[in-house]
PDB file of N, CA and C in Angstrom:
ATOM      1  N   MET A   1      -6.176   1.627 -10.526  1.00  0.00           N
ATOM      2  CA  MET A   1      -5.137   1.232  -9.567  1.00  0.00           C
ATOM      3  C   MET A   1      -4.016   0.770 -10.462  1.00  0.00           C
ATOM      4  N   GLU A   2      -2.802   1.484 -10.017  1.00  0.00           N
ATOM      5  CA  GLU A   2      -1.726   1.133 -10.879  1.00  0.00           C
ATOM      6  C   GLU A   2      -0.573   0.554  -9.650  1.00  0.00           C
ATOM      7  N   ILE A   3      -0.100  -0.528 -10.040  1.00  0.00           N
ATOM      8  CA  ILE A   3       1.108  -1.185  -9.072  1.00  0.00           C
ATOM      9  C   ILE A   3       2.366  -1.230  -9.836  1.00  0.00           C
ATOM     10  N   ARG A   4       3.268  -0.603  -9.134  1.00  0.00           N
ATOM     11  CA  ARG A   4       4.896  -0.377  -9.529  1.00  0.00           C
ATOM     12  C   ARG A   4       5.576  -1.142  -8.534  1.00  0.00           C
ATOM     13  N   TYR A   5       6.652  -1.949  -9.055  1.00  0.00           N
ATOM     14  CA  TYR A   5       7.700  -2.292  -8.025  1.00  0.00           C
ATOM     15  C   TYR A   5       8.943  -1.969  -8.403  1.00  0.00           C
ATOM     16  N   CYS A   6       9.520  -1.188  -7.378  1.00  0.00           N
ATOM     17  CA  CYS A   6      11.132  -0.557  -7.530  1.00  0.00           C
ATOM     18  C   CYS A   6      12.040  -1.744  -7.087  1.00  0.00           C
ATOM     19  N   THR A   7      12.909  -2.239  -8.043  1.00  0.00           N
ATOM     20  CA  THR A   7      13.859  -3.238  -7.583  1.00  0.00           C
ATOM     21  C   THR A   7      14.916  -2.636  -6.693  1.00  0.00           C
ATOM     22  N   ASP A   8      15.188  -1.244  -6.777  1.00  0.00           N
ATOM     23  CA  ASP A   8      16.155  -0.790  -5.996  1.00  0.00           C
ATOM     24  C   ASP A   8      15.784  -0.793  -4.629  1.00  0.00           C
ATOM     25  N   ALA A   9      14.667  -0.353  -4.343  1.00  0.00           N
ATOM     26  CA  ALA A   9      14.006  -0.025  -3.069  1.00  0.00           C
ATOM     27  C   ALA A   9      13.411  -1.485  -2.440  1.00  0.00           C
ATOM     28  N   GLU A  10      13.175  -2.414  -3.393  1.00  0.00           N
ATOM     29  CA  GLU A  10      12.545  -3.596  -3.098  1.00  0.00           C
ATOM     30  C   GLU A  10      11.112  -3.167  -2.513  1.00  0.00           C
ATOM     31  N   ALA A  11      10.358  -2.117  -3.260  1.00  0.00           N
ATOM     32  CA  ALA A  11       9.052  -1.702  -2.783  1.00  0.00           C
ATOM     33  C   ALA A  11       7.945  -1.753  -3.652  1.00  0.00           C
ATOM     34  N   PHE A  12       6.855  -1.987  -3.391  1.00  0.00           N
ATOM     35  CA  PHE A  12       5.726  -1.835  -4.141  1.00  0.00           C
ATOM     36  C   PHE A  12       5.119  -0.533  -3.943  1.00  0.00           C
ATOM     37  N   TYR A  13       4.668  -0.003  -4.790  1.00  0.00           N
ATOM     38  CA  TYR A  13       3.652   1.366  -4.777  1.00  0.00           C
ATOM     39  C   TYR A  13       2.383   1.147  -5.541  1.00  0.00           C
ATOM     40  N   LEU A  14       1.306   1.230  -4.797  1.00  0.00           N
ATOM     41  CA  LEU A  14       0.165   1.353  -5.500  1.00  0.00           C
ATOM     42  C   LEU A  14      -0.604   2.614  -5.680  1.00  0.00           C
ATOM     43  N   THR A  15      -0.748   3.005  -6.632  1.00  0.00           N
ATOM     44  CA  THR A  15      -1.313   4.448  -6.994  1.00  0.00           C
ATOM     45  C   THR A  15      -3.024   4.317  -7.191  1.00  0.00           C
ATOM     46  N   ILE A  16      -3.718   4.897  -6.315  1.00  0.00           N
ATOM     47  CA  ILE A  16      -5.160   4.766  -6.325  1.00  0.00           C
ATOM     48  C   ILE A  16      -5.634   6.143  -6.723  1.00  0.00           C
ATOM     49  N   GLY A  17      -5.289   7.107  -5.959  1.00  0.00           N
ATOM     50  CA  GLY A  17      -5.883   8.442  -6.376  1.00  0.00           C
ATOM     51  C   GLY A  17      -5.193   9.276  -7.443  1.00  0.00           C
ATOM     52  N   GLN A  18      -5.660  10.229  -7.808  1.00  0.00           N
ATOM     53  CA  GLN A  18      -5.063  11.269  -9.124  1.00  0.00           C
ATOM     54  C   GLN A  18      -4.828  12.711  -8.653  1.00  0.00           C
ATOM     55  N   GLY A  19      -5.124  12.865  -7.303  1.00  0.00           N
ATOM     56  CA  GLY A  19      -4.776  14.339  -6.836  1.00  0.00           C
ATOM     57  C   GLY A  19      -3.307  14.381  -6.331  1.00  0.00           C
ATOM     58  N   ALA A  20      -2.933  15.331  -5.598  1.00  0.00           N
ATOM     59  CA  ALA A  20      -1.733  15.683  -5.155  1.00  0.00           C
ATOM     60  C   ALA A  20      -1.518  15.039  -3.641  1.00  0.00           C
ATOM     61  N   ILE A  21      -0.352  14.432  -3.385  1.00  0.00           N
ATOM     62  CA  ILE A  21      -0.104  13.913  -2.121  1.00  0.00           C
ATOM     63  C   ILE A  21       0.021  14.986  -1.033  1.00  0.00           C
ATOM     64  N   ALA A  22      -0.930  14.958   0.037  1.00  0.00           N
ATOM     65  CA  ALA A  22      -0.906  16.157   1.049  1.00  0.00           C
ATOM     66  C   ALA A  22      -0.448  15.546   2.361  1.00  0.00           C
ATOM     67  N   ASP A  23      -0.285  14.161   2.607  1.00  0.00           N
ATOM     68  CA  ASP A  23       0.157  14.031   3.874  1.00  0.00           C
ATOM     69  C   ASP A  23       0.624  12.252   3.595  1.00  0.00           C
ATOM     70  N   THR A  24       1.450  11.754   4.693  1.00  0.00           N
ATOM     71  CA  THR A  24       1.782  10.306   4.488  1.00  0.00           C
ATOM     72  C   THR A  24       1.566   9.877   6.006  1.00  0.00           C
ATOM     73  N   ALA A  25       0.847   8.797   6.099  1.00  0.00           N
ATOM     74  CA  ALA A  25       0.657   7.968   7.307  1.00  0.00           C
ATOM     75  C   ALA A  25       1.578   6.837   7.380  1.00  0.00           C
ATOM     76  N   HIS A  26       2.445   6.903   8.442  1.00  0.00           N
ATOM     77  CA  HIS A  26       3.456   5.652   8.688  1.00  0.00           C
ATOM     78  C   HIS A  26       2.576   4.501   9.600  1.00  0.00           C
ATOM     79  N   ILE A  27       2.213   3.479   8.890  1.00  0.00           N
ATOM     80  CA  ILE A  27       1.474   2.435   9.530  1.00  0.00           C
ATOM     81  C   ILE A  27       2.651   1.716  10.211  1.00  0.00           C
ATOM     82  N   SER A  28       3.726   1.430   9.631  1.00  0.00           N
ATOM     83  CA  SER A  28       4.641   0.751  10.344  1.00  0.00           C
ATOM     84  C   SER A  28       5.991   0.915   9.625  1.00  0.00           C
ATOM     85  N   ASP A  29       7.074   0.348   9.788  1.00  0.00           N
ATOM     86  CA  ASP A  29       8.405   0.586   9.027  1.00  0.00           C
ATOM     87  C   ASP A  29       8.284   0.040   7.736  1.00  0.00           C
ATOM     88  N   ASP A  30       7.267  -0.876   7.440  1.00  0.00           N
ATOM     89  CA  ASP A  30       7.183  -1.528   6.142  1.00  0.00           C
ATOM     90  C   ASP A  30       5.953  -0.887   5.279  1.00  0.00           C
ATOM     91  N   LEU A  31       5.312   0.103   5.805  1.00  0.00           N
ATOM     92  CA  LEU A  31       3.996   0.180   5.258  1.00  0.00           C
ATOM     93  C   LEU A  31       3.625   1.811   5.468  1.00  0.00           C
ATOM     94  N   MET A  32       3.491   2.626   4.407  1.00  0.00           N
ATOM     95  CA  MET A  32       3.185   3.915   4.484  1.00  0.00           C
ATOM     96  C   MET A  32       1.927   4.176   3.381  1.00  0.00           C
ATOM     97  N   VAL A  33       1.112   5.198   3.962  1.00  0.00           N
ATOM     98  CA  VAL A  33      -0.221   5.487   3.061  1.00  0.00           C
ATOM     99  C   VAL A  33      -0.086   6.997   2.611  1.00  0.00           C
ATOM    100  N   ASP A  34       0.031   7.257   1.393  1.00  0.00           N
ATOM    101  CA  ASP A  34       0.031   8.725   1.110  1.00  0.00           C
ATOM    102  C   ASP A  34      -1.416   9.196   0.831  1.00  0.00           C
ATOM    103  N   THR A  35      -1.733  10.200   1.424  1.00  0.00           N
ATOM    104  CA  THR A  35      -3.260  10.646   1.297  1.00  0.00           C
ATOM    105  C   THR A  35      -3.386  12.146   0.623  1.00  0.00           C
ATOM    106  N   GLU A  36      -4.408  12.365  -0.023  1.00  0.00           N
ATOM    107  CA  GLU A  36      -4.566  13.540  -0.406  1.00  0.00           C
ATOM    108  C   GLU A  36      -5.291  14.656   0.409  1.00  0.00           C
ATOM    109  N   ALA A  37      -5.409  15.933   0.069  1.00  0.00           N
ATOM    110  CA  ALA A  37      -6.015  16.891   0.937  1.00  0.00           C
ATOM    111  C   ALA A  37      -7.255  16.595   1.573  1.00  0.00           C
ATOM    112  N   ASP A  38      -8.229  15.893   0.926  1.00  0.00           N
ATOM    113  CA  ASP A  38      -9.505  15.643   1.232  1.00  0.00           C
ATOM    114  C   ASP A  38      -9.530  14.245   2.059  1.00  0.00           C
ATOM    115  N   GLY A  39      -8.157  13.784   2.219  1.00  0.00           N
ATOM    116  CA  GLY A  39      -8.186  12.316   3.128  1.00  0.00           C
ATOM    117  C   GLY A  39      -8.200  11.217   2.247  1.00  0.00           C
ATOM    118  N   THR A  40      -8.709  11.187   1.072  1.00  0.00           N
ATOM    119  CA  THR A  40      -8.573  10.068   0.169  1.00  0.00           C
ATOM    120  C   THR A  40      -7.198   9.282  -0.089  1.00  0.00           C
ATOM    121  N   VAL A  41      -7.161   8.092   0.044  1.00  0.00           N
ATOM    122  CA  VAL A  41      -5.734   7.453  -0.368  1.00  0.00           C
ATOM    123  C   VAL A  41      -5.364   7.855  -1.664  1.00  0.00           C
ATOM    124  N   HIS A  42      -4.055   8.313  -1.839  1.00  0.00           N
ATOM    125  CA  HIS A  42      -3.346   8.414  -3.007  1.00  0.00           C
ATOM    126  C   HIS A  42      -2.644   7.110  -3.500  1.00  0.00           C
ATOM    127  N   GLY A  43      -1.987   6.752  -2.341  1.00  0.00           N
ATOM    128  CA  GLY A  43      -1.054   5.704  -2.791  1.00  0.00           C
ATOM    129  C   GLY A  43      -0.656   4.901  -1.541  1.00  0.00           C
ATOM    130  N   ILE A  44      -0.219   3.460  -1.789  1.00  0.00           N
ATOM    131  CA  ILE A  44       0.267   2.917  -0.586  1.00  0.00           C
ATOM    132  C   ILE A  44       1.574   2.319  -1.104  1.00  0.00           C
ATOM    133  N   GLU A  45       2.706   2.575  -0.050  1.00  0.00           N
ATOM    134  CA  GLU A  45       4.070   1.890  -0.369  1.00  0.00           C
ATOM    135  C   GLU A  45       4.197   0.709   0.616  1.00  0.00           C
ATOM    136  N   LEU A  46       4.645  -0.221  -0.127  1.00  0.00           N
ATOM    137  CA  LEU A  46       4.918  -1.547   0.790  1.00  0.00           C
ATOM    138  C   LEU A  46       6.221  -2.128   0.581  1.00  0.00           C
ATOM    139  N   LEU A  47       7.114  -2.144   1.698  1.00  0.00           N
ATOM    140  CA  LEU A  47       8.481  -2.414   1.687  1.00  0.00           C
ATOM    141  C   LEU A  47       8.759  -4.114   1.893  1.00  0.00           C
ATOM    142  N   CYS A  48       7.547  -4.828   1.777  1.00  0.00           N
ATOM    143  CA  CYS A  48       7.738  -6.298   1.929  1.00  0.00           C
ATOM    144  C   CYS A  48       6.394  -6.848   0.898  1.00  0.00           C
ATOM    145  N   THR A  49       6.426  -8.049   0.878  1.00  0.00           N
ATOM    146  CA  THR A  49       5.139  -8.751   0.254  1.00  0.00           C
ATOM    147  C   THR A  49       4.025  -8.623   1.187  1.00  0.00           C
ATOM    148  N   PRO A  50       2.715  -8.688   0.821  1.00  0.00           N
ATOM    149  CA  PRO A  50       1.425  -8.500   1.764  1.00  0.00           C
ATOM    150  C   PRO A  50       1.479  -9.762   2.757  1.00  0.00           C
ATOM    151  N   GLY A  51       2.067 -10.847   2.255  1.00  0.00           N
ATOM    152  CA  GLY A  51       2.173 -12.091   3.221  1.00  0.00           C
ATOM    153  C   GLY A  51       3.027 -11.780   4.306  1.00  0.00           C
ATOM    154  N   GLU A  52       3.979 -10.965   4.212  1.00  0.00           N
ATOM    155  CA  GLU A  52       4.874 -10.669   5.258  1.00  0.00           C
ATOM    156  C   GLU A  52       4.475  -9.679   6.435  1.00  0.00           C
ATOM    157  N   LEU A  53       3.330  -9.154   5.963  1.00  0.00           N
ATOM    158  CA  LEU A  53       2.842  -8.082   7.084  1.00  0.00           C
ATOM    159  C   LEU A  53       2.181  -8.876   8.251  1.00  0.00           C
ATOM    160  N   VAL A  54       2.248  -8.360   9.351  1.00  0.00           N
ATOM    161  CA  VAL A  54       1.767  -9.128  10.646  1.00  0.00           C
ATOM    162  C   VAL A  54       0.314  -8.688  10.707  1.00  0.00           C
ATOM    163  N   ASP A  55      -0.450  -9.379  11.519  1.00  0.00           N
ATOM    164  CA  ASP A  55      -1.968  -9.080  11.367  1.00  0.00           C
ATOM    165  C   ASP A  55      -2.278  -7.764  11.864  1.00  0.00           C
ATOM    166  N   GLU A  56      -1.366  -7.257  12.984  1.00  0.00           N
ATOM    167  CA  GLU A  56      -1.621  -5.892  13.428  1.00  0.00           C
ATOM    168  C   GLU A  56      -1.426  -4.757  12.447  1.00  0.00           C
ATOM    169  N   GLU A  57      -0.510  -5.049  11.791  1.00  0.00           N
ATOM    170  CA  GLU A  57      -0.231  -3.972  10.543  1.00  0.00           C
ATOM    171  C   GLU A  57      -1.482  -4.143   9.442  1.00  0.00           C
ATOM    172  N   ARG A  58      -1.790  -5.398   9.004  1.00  0.00           N
ATOM    173  CA  ARG A  58      -2.809  -5.377   8.060  1.00  0.00           C
ATOM    174  C   ARG A  58      -4.227  -4.794   8.831  1.00  0.00           C
ATOM    175  N   ALA A  59      -4.429  -5.138   9.892  1.00  0.00           N
ATOM    176  CA  ALA A  59      -5.808  -4.572  10.612  1.00  0.00           C
ATOM    177  C   ALA A  59      -5.551  -2.962  10.683  1.00  0.00           C
ATOM    178  N   SER A  60      -4.573  -2.605  10.929  1.00  0.00           N
ATOM    179  CA  SER A  60      -4.254  -1.048  11.294  1.00  0.00           C
ATOM    180  C   SER A  60      -4.643  -0.409   9.920  1.00  0.00           C
ATOM    181  N   LEU A  61      -3.951  -0.702   8.858  1.00  0.00           N
ATOM    182  CA  LEU A  61      -4.229  -0.377   7.570  1.00  0.00           C
ATOM    183  C   LEU A  61      -5.442  -0.442   7.080  1.00  0.00           C
ATOM    184  N   VAL A  62      -6.153  -1.610   6.955  1.00  0.00           N
ATOM    185  CA  VAL A  62      -7.420  -1.730   6.391  1.00  0.00           C
ATOM    186  C   VAL A  62      -8.588  -0.946   7.305  1.00  0.00           C
ATOM    187  N   GLY A  63      -8.153  -0.949   8.646  1.00  0.00           N
ATOM    188  CA  GLY A  63      -9.054  -0.268   9.603  1.00  0.00           C
ATOM    189  C   GLY A  63      -9.256   1.176   9.206  1.00  0.00           C
ATOM    190  N   ARG A  64      -7.926   1.992   9.002  1.00  0.00           N
ATOM    191  CA  ARG A  64      -7.912   3.317   8.667  1.00  0.00           C
ATOM    192  C   ARG A  64      -8.347   3.547   7.239  1.00  0.00           C
ATOM    193  N   PHE A  65      -7.814   2.701   6.323  1.00  0.00           N
ATOM    194  CA  PHE A  65      -7.874   2.756   4.881  1.00  0.00           C
ATOM    195  C   PHE A  65      -8.609   1.654   4.169  1.00  0.00           C
ATOM    196  N   PRO A  66     -10.031   1.540   4.337  1.00  0.00           N
ATOM    197  CA  PRO A  66     -10.631   0.198   3.921  1.00  0.00           C
ATOM    198  C   PRO A  66     -10.173  -0.131   2.398  1.00  0.00           C
ATOM    199  N   VAL A  67      -9.913   0.824   1.540  1.00  0.00           N
ATOM    200  CA  VAL A  67      -9.711   0.544   0.281  1.00  0.00           C
ATOM    201  C   VAL A  67      -8.329  -0.115   0.096  1.00  0.00           C
ATOM    202  N   ALA A  68      -7.375  -0.318   1.068  1.00  0.00           N
ATOM    203  CA  ALA A  68      -6.139  -1.010   1.120  1.00  0.00           C
ATOM    204  C   ALA A  68      -6.550  -2.505   0.984  1.00  0.00           C
ATOM    205  N   ALA A  69      -7.571  -2.977   1.467  1.00  0.00           N
ATOM    206  CA  ALA A  69      -7.822  -4.319   1.395  1.00  0.00           C
ATOM    207  C   ALA A  69      -7.691  -4.923  -0.078  1.00  0.00           C
ATOM    208  N   GLU A  70      -8.330  -4.229  -1.149  1.00  0.00           N
ATOM    209  CA  GLU A  70      -8.261  -4.442  -2.419  1.00  0.00           C
ATOM    210  C   GLU A  70      -6.921  -4.333  -3.017  1.00  0.00           C
ATOM    211  N   ALA A  71      -6.237  -3.283  -2.612  1.00  0.00           N
ATOM    212  CA  ALA A  71      -4.692  -3.054  -3.050  1.00  0.00           C
ATOM    213  C   ALA A  71      -3.765  -4.191  -2.516  1.00  0.00           C
ATOM    214  N   LEU A  72      -4.081  -4.606  -1.389  1.00  0.00           N
ATOM    215  CA  LEU A  72      -3.158  -5.807  -0.886  1.00  0.00           C
ATOM    216  C   LEU A  72      -3.429  -7.016  -1.633  1.00  0.00           C
ATOM    217  N   ALA A  73      -4.778  -7.218  -1.860  1.00  0.00           N
ATOM    218  CA  ALA A  73      -5.202  -8.445  -2.728  1.00  0.00           C
ATOM    219  C   ALA A  73      -4.587  -8.301  -3.981  1.00  0.00           C
ATOM    220  N   ALA A  74      -4.615  -7.259  -4.697  1.00  0.00           N
ATOM    221  CA  ALA A  74      -3.928  -7.024  -5.915  1.00  0.00           C
ATOM    222  C   ALA A  74      -2.392  -7.578  -5.990  1.00  0.00           C
ATOM    223  N   ILE A  75      -1.832  -6.970  -4.941  1.00  0.00           N
ATOM    224  CA  ILE A  75      -0.181  -7.267  -5.020  1.00  0.00           C
ATOM    225  C   ILE A  75      -0.162  -8.740  -4.780  1.00  0.00           C
ATOM    226  N   GLU A  76      -0.973  -9.269  -3.737  1.00  0.00           N
ATOM    227  CA  GLU A  76      -0.769 -10.762  -3.479  1.00  0.00           C
ATOM    228  C   GLU A  76      -1.007 -11.526  -4.684  1.00  0.00           C
ATOM    229  N   ARG A  77      -2.042 -11.167  -5.593  1.00  0.00           N
ATOM    230  CA  ARG A  77      -2.318 -11.983  -6.907  1.00  0.00           C
ATOM    231  C   ARG A  77      -1.005 -11.785  -7.802  1.00  0.00           C
ATOM    232  N   LEU A  78      -0.418 -10.783  -7.952  1.00  0.00           N
ATOM    233  CA  LEU A  78       0.850 -10.466  -8.486  1.00  0.00           C
ATOM    234  C   LEU A  78       1.995 -11.349  -8.013  1.00  0.00           C
ATOM    235  N   THR A  79       2.282 -11.333  -6.863  1.00  0.00           N
ATOM    236  CA  THR A  79       3.358 -12.062  -6.390  1.00  0.00           C
ATOM    237  C   THR A  79       3.117 -13.506  -6.387  1.00  0.00           C
ATOM    238  N   ARG A  80       1.991 -14.022  -6.317  1.00  0.00           N
ATOM    239  CA  ARG A  80       1.607 -15.568  -6.538  1.00  0.00           C
ATOM    240  C   ARG A  80       2.049 -15.833  -8.096  1.00  0.00           C
ATOM    241  N   MET A  81       1.662 -14.953  -9.231  1.00  0.00           N
ATOM    242  CA  MET A  81       1.839 -15.181 -10.373  1.00  0.00           C
ATOM    243  C   MET A  81       3.459 -15.265 -10.739  1.00  0.00           C
ATOM    244  N   SER A  82       4.187 -14.450  -9.926  1.00  0.00           N
ATOM    245  CA  SER A  82       5.580 -14.498 -10.345  1.00  0.00           C
ATOM    246  C   SER A  82       6.317 -15.687  -9.861  1.00  0.00           C
ATOM    247  N   LEU A  83       5.618 -16.502  -8.984  1.00  0.00           N
ATOM    248  CA  LEU A  83       6.363 -17.623  -8.350  1.00  0.00           C
ATOM    249  C   LEU A  83       6.608 -18.725  -9.321  1.00  0.00           C
TER     250      LEU A  83
END
């Protein structure tokens, strides 16, 4: 898993997969998931910190893409370290 932060967009992007992006699922205005042709998660774009997600966003994300729970936890660890 690779985590990048774009200061221009104030967005996190977590790369999980290695294939080509085939589709993007819009979970909310702040949360998108790129998937590969076989449905596996390629990456997650987060336009806020994980702590700013409302419970419904988090539940929808993890319900559809269970691997996202680990990804959100990784970002949470990084944001705590930067305080």
